[in-house]
Amino acid sequence: MPVIRAAEAVVHELHGARFVSYATPGTGSEELAAWRAEIPAGTKAPAHGVSREEILHLLTGSLRLTLDGAVHTLVPGDTAIVNAGTTLGVENPTDTVATMWVTTSVGLTAELADGTRITPPWANV
């Protein structure tokens, strides 16, 4: 079983957020992907549909999630289950960075409102 040290995690940035990738096919995971997302204060990511279920667990800060139009506020310790096919929006309306742990299955893609499909490297490479 591989061990990924913090110093070995791969960092990606997109839409103002930082994704620190730990478990991917490139690090030895065959089925699951896991990363820490760092969402800066004032960030509002574009809404996107997800192709695979994601589990979002808030570690620090506060986030506003929109799941198929329903708005939820997460505080540390809260977990959101985002089913495949859900449209997800993530916003940090506070003045501090929020961090969350995200787990999904390898192969996740996201589709923006304009039809652009993204294959996040932090989940698949």
C-alpha atoms as a PDB file:
ATOM      1  CA  MET A   1       0.000   0.000   0.000  1.00  0.00           C
ATOM      2  CA  PRO A   2       1.620   3.273  -1.091  1.00  0.00           C
ATOM      3  CA  VAL A   3       2.087   6.122   1.342  1.00  0.00           C
ATOM      4  CA  ILE A   4       1.902   9.628  -0.116  1.00  0.00           C
ATOM      5  CA  ARG A   5       3.847  12.106   1.974  1.00  0.00           C
ATOM      6  CA  ALA A   6       2.564  15.675   2.234  1.00  0.00           C
ATOM      7  CA  ALA A   7       5.662  16.903   0.401  1.00  0.00           C
ATOM      8  CA  GLU A   8       4.824  14.566  -2.512  1.00  0.00           C
ATOM      9  CA  ALA A   9       1.280  15.832  -3.043  1.00  0.00           C
ATOM     10  CA  VAL A  10       0.708  17.524  -6.387  1.00  0.00           C
ATOM     11  CA  VAL A  11      -0.810  21.023  -6.369  1.00  0.00           C
ATOM     12  CA  HIS A  12      -3.217  22.257  -9.064  1.00  0.00           C
ATOM     13  CA  GLU A  13      -5.022  25.603  -9.284  1.00  0.00           C
ATOM     14  CA  LEU A  14      -8.278  26.332 -11.089  1.00  0.00           C
ATOM     15  CA  HIS A  15     -10.940  29.061 -10.774  1.00  0.00           C
ATOM     16  CA  GLY A  16      -9.107  30.630  -7.834  1.00  0.00           C
ATOM     17  CA  ALA A  17      -9.030  27.427  -5.774  1.00  0.00           C
ATOM     18  CA  ARG A  18      -6.091  25.207  -4.911  1.00  0.00           C
ATOM     19  CA  PHE A  19      -6.329  21.409  -5.111  1.00  0.00           C
ATOM     20  CA  VAL A  20      -3.679  19.351  -3.302  1.00  0.00           C
ATOM     21  CA  SER A  21      -3.883  15.864  -4.788  1.00  0.00           C
ATOM     22  CA  TYR A  22      -2.928  12.762  -2.806  1.00  0.00           C
ATOM     23  CA  ALA A  23      -4.684   9.622  -4.082  1.00  0.00           C
ATOM     24  CA  THR A  24      -4.837   9.190  -7.881  1.00  0.00           C
ATOM     25  CA  PRO A  25      -3.861   6.506 -10.391  1.00  0.00           C
ATOM     26  CA  GLY A  26      -0.458   8.189 -10.566  1.00  0.00           C
ATOM     27  CA  THR A  27       0.123   7.608  -6.858  1.00  0.00           C
ATOM     28  CA  GLY A  28      -1.151   4.020  -6.874  1.00  0.00           C
ATOM     29  CA  SER A  29      -4.897   4.321  -6.314  1.00  0.00           C
ATOM     30  CA  GLU A  30      -6.925   2.153  -8.674  1.00  0.00           C
ATOM     31  CA  GLU A  31     -10.485   3.193  -7.791  1.00  0.00           C
ATOM     32  CA  LEU A  32     -10.549   6.295  -5.613  1.00  0.00           C
ATOM     33  CA  ALA A  33      -9.213   9.829  -5.794  1.00  0.00           C
ATOM     34  CA  ALA A  34      -8.766  12.125  -2.802  1.00  0.00           C
ATOM     35  CA  TRP A  35      -7.530  15.673  -2.381  1.00  0.00           C
ATOM     36  CA  ARG A  36      -7.613  18.708  -0.123  1.00  0.00           C
ATOM     37  CA  ALA A  37      -9.334  21.725  -1.643  1.00  0.00           C
ATOM     38  CA  GLU A  38      -8.386  25.193  -0.424  1.00  0.00           C
ATOM     39  CA  ILE A  39     -11.015  27.794  -1.256  1.00  0.00           C
ATOM     40  CA  PRO A  40      -9.822  31.378  -0.661  1.00  0.00           C
ATOM     41  CA  ALA A  41     -12.033  34.015   0.929  1.00  0.00           C
ATOM     42  CA  GLY A  42     -14.472  35.551  -1.538  1.00  0.00           C
ATOM     43  CA  THR A  43     -14.106  32.759  -4.116  1.00  0.00           C
ATOM     44  CA  LYS A  44     -17.125  31.642  -6.116  1.00  0.00           C
ATOM     45  CA  ALA A  45     -16.433  28.713  -8.427  1.00  0.00           C
ATOM     46  CA  PRO A  46     -18.604  28.253 -11.516  1.00  0.00           C
ATOM     47  CA  ALA A  47     -21.460  25.783 -11.145  1.00  0.00           C
ATOM     48  CA  HIS A  48     -20.662  22.445 -12.729  1.00  0.00           C
ATOM     49  CA  GLY A  49     -22.244  19.040 -13.140  1.00  0.00           C
ATOM     50  CA  VAL A  50     -20.300  16.065 -11.795  1.00  0.00           C
ATOM     51  CA  SER A  51     -20.122  12.675 -13.482  1.00  0.00           C
ATOM     52  CA  ARG A  52     -19.317  10.687 -10.334  1.00  0.00           C
ATOM     53  CA  GLU A  53     -20.368  10.858  -6.711  1.00  0.00           C
ATOM     54  CA  GLU A  54     -18.188  13.126  -4.562  1.00  0.00           C
ATOM     55  CA  ILE A  55     -17.933  13.301  -0.791  1.00  0.00           C
ATOM     56  CA  LEU A  56     -16.997  16.766   0.527  1.00  0.00           C
ATOM     57  CA  HIS A  57     -15.911  17.048   4.175  1.00  0.00           C
ATOM     58  CA  LEU A  58     -15.267  20.552   5.497  1.00  0.00           C
ATOM     59  CA  LEU A  59     -12.131  20.830   7.615  1.00  0.00           C
ATOM     60  CA  THR A  60     -11.847  24.578   8.241  1.00  0.00           C
ATOM     61  CA  GLY A  61     -13.797  27.741   7.482  1.00  0.00           C
ATOM     62  CA  SER A  62     -17.291  27.889   6.058  1.00  0.00           C
ATOM     63  CA  LEU A  63     -18.608  27.187   2.564  1.00  0.00           C
ATOM     64  CA  ARG A  64     -21.865  27.737   0.754  1.00  0.00           C
ATOM     65  CA  LEU A  65     -22.727  24.797  -1.489  1.00  0.00           C
ATOM     66  CA  THR A  66     -25.467  24.859  -4.058  1.00  0.00           C
ATOM     67  CA  LEU A  67     -26.673  21.386  -5.007  1.00  0.00           C
ATOM     68  CA  ASP A  68     -29.178  21.409  -7.878  1.00  0.00           C
ATOM     69  CA  GLY A  69     -30.321  24.865  -6.779  1.00  0.00           C
ATOM     70  CA  ALA A  70     -30.631  24.105  -3.046  1.00  0.00           C
ATOM     71  CA  VAL A  71     -28.242  26.199  -0.923  1.00  0.00           C
ATOM     72  CA  HIS A  72     -26.451  24.679   2.087  1.00  0.00           C
ATOM     73  CA  THR A  73     -23.922  26.236   4.470  1.00  0.00           C
ATOM     74  CA  LEU A  74     -21.194  23.905   5.696  1.00  0.00           C
ATOM     75  CA  VAL A  75     -19.160  24.421   8.862  1.00  0.00           C
ATOM     76  CA  PRO A  76     -16.177  22.339  10.045  1.00  0.00           C
ATOM     77  CA  GLY A  77     -17.122  18.697  10.480  1.00  0.00           C
ATOM     78  CA  ASP A  78     -20.028  18.814   8.003  1.00  0.00           C
ATOM     79  CA  THR A  79     -20.066  16.413   5.060  1.00  0.00           C
ATOM     80  CA  ALA A  80     -21.957  16.762   1.794  1.00  0.00           C
ATOM     81  CA  ILE A  81     -22.735  13.861  -0.526  1.00  0.00           C
ATOM     82  CA  VAL A  82     -22.865  15.077  -4.106  1.00  0.00           C
ATOM     83  CA  ASN A  83     -24.475  12.413  -6.268  1.00  0.00           C
ATOM     84  CA  ALA A  84     -23.433  11.861  -9.880  1.00  0.00           C
ATOM     85  CA  GLY A  85     -25.385  14.157 -12.195  1.00  0.00           C
ATOM     86  CA  THR A  86     -25.784  16.882  -9.564  1.00  0.00           C
ATOM     87  CA  THR A  87     -24.988  20.480 -10.433  1.00  0.00           C
ATOM     88  CA  LEU A  88     -22.600  21.759  -7.775  1.00  0.00           C
ATOM     89  CA  GLY A  89     -21.655  25.324  -6.902  1.00  0.00           C
ATOM     90  CA  VAL A  90     -19.044  26.166  -4.255  1.00  0.00           C
ATOM     91  CA  GLU A  91     -18.662  29.598  -2.701  1.00  0.00           C
ATOM     92  CA  ASN A  92     -16.635  30.946   0.195  1.00  0.00           C
ATOM     93  CA  PRO A  93     -18.436  34.146   1.207  1.00  0.00           C
ATOM     94  CA  THR A  94     -16.263  34.615   4.309  1.00  0.00           C
ATOM     95  CA  ASP A  95     -12.995  36.439   4.874  1.00  0.00           C
ATOM     96  CA  THR A  96     -10.956  33.291   5.679  1.00  0.00           C
ATOM     97  CA  VAL A  97      -9.745  30.332   3.640  1.00  0.00           C
ATOM     98  CA  ALA A  98     -11.916  27.215   3.784  1.00  0.00           C
ATOM     99  CA  THR A  99     -10.428  23.750   3.380  1.00  0.00           C
ATOM    100  CA  MET A 100     -12.208  20.531   2.602  1.00  0.00           C
ATOM    101  CA  TRP A 101     -11.283  16.923   1.968  1.00  0.00           C
ATOM    102  CA  VAL A 102     -12.809  15.473  -1.196  1.00  0.00           C
ATOM    103  CA  THR A 103     -13.116  11.833  -2.198  1.00  0.00           C
ATOM    104  CA  THR A 104     -14.519  10.465  -5.446  1.00  0.00           C
ATOM    105  CA  SER A 105     -13.921   7.645  -7.891  1.00  0.00           C
ATOM    106  CA  VAL A 106     -11.275   7.802 -10.591  1.00  0.00           C
ATOM    107  CA  GLY A 107     -12.763   9.057 -13.860  1.00  0.00           C
ATOM    108  CA  LEU A 108     -14.598  12.081 -12.476  1.00  0.00           C
ATOM    109  CA  THR A 109     -15.385  14.784 -15.014  1.00  0.00           C
ATOM    110  CA  ALA A 110     -17.112  18.118 -14.569  1.00  0.00           C
ATOM    111  CA  GLU A 111     -19.258  19.975 -17.083  1.00  0.00           C
ATOM    112  CA  LEU A 112     -19.630  23.746 -16.950  1.00  0.00           C
ATOM    113  CA  ALA A 113     -22.844  25.522 -17.943  1.00  0.00           C
ATOM    114  CA  ASP A 114     -21.405  26.353 -21.379  1.00  0.00           C
ATOM    115  CA  GLY A 115     -20.845  22.650 -22.103  1.00  0.00           C
ATOM    116  CA  THR A 116     -17.098  22.698 -21.465  1.00  0.00           C
ATOM    117  CA  ARG A 117     -16.042  19.358 -19.996  1.00  0.00           C
ATOM    118  CA  ILE A 118     -13.139  19.299 -17.554  1.00  0.00           C
ATOM    119  CA  THR A 119     -11.204  16.216 -16.495  1.00  0.00           C
ATOM    120  CA  PRO A 120      -9.613  17.359 -13.236  1.00  0.00           C
ATOM    121  CA  PRO A 121      -6.005  16.163 -13.048  1.00  0.00           C
ATOM    122  CA  TRP A 122      -6.168  16.103  -9.233  1.00  0.00           C
ATOM    123  CA  ALA A 123      -8.710  13.263  -9.526  1.00  0.00           C
ATOM    124  CA  ASN A 124      -7.452  11.329 -12.518  1.00  0.00           C
ATOM    125  CA  VAL A 125      -3.702  11.599 -13.169  1.00  0.00           C
END
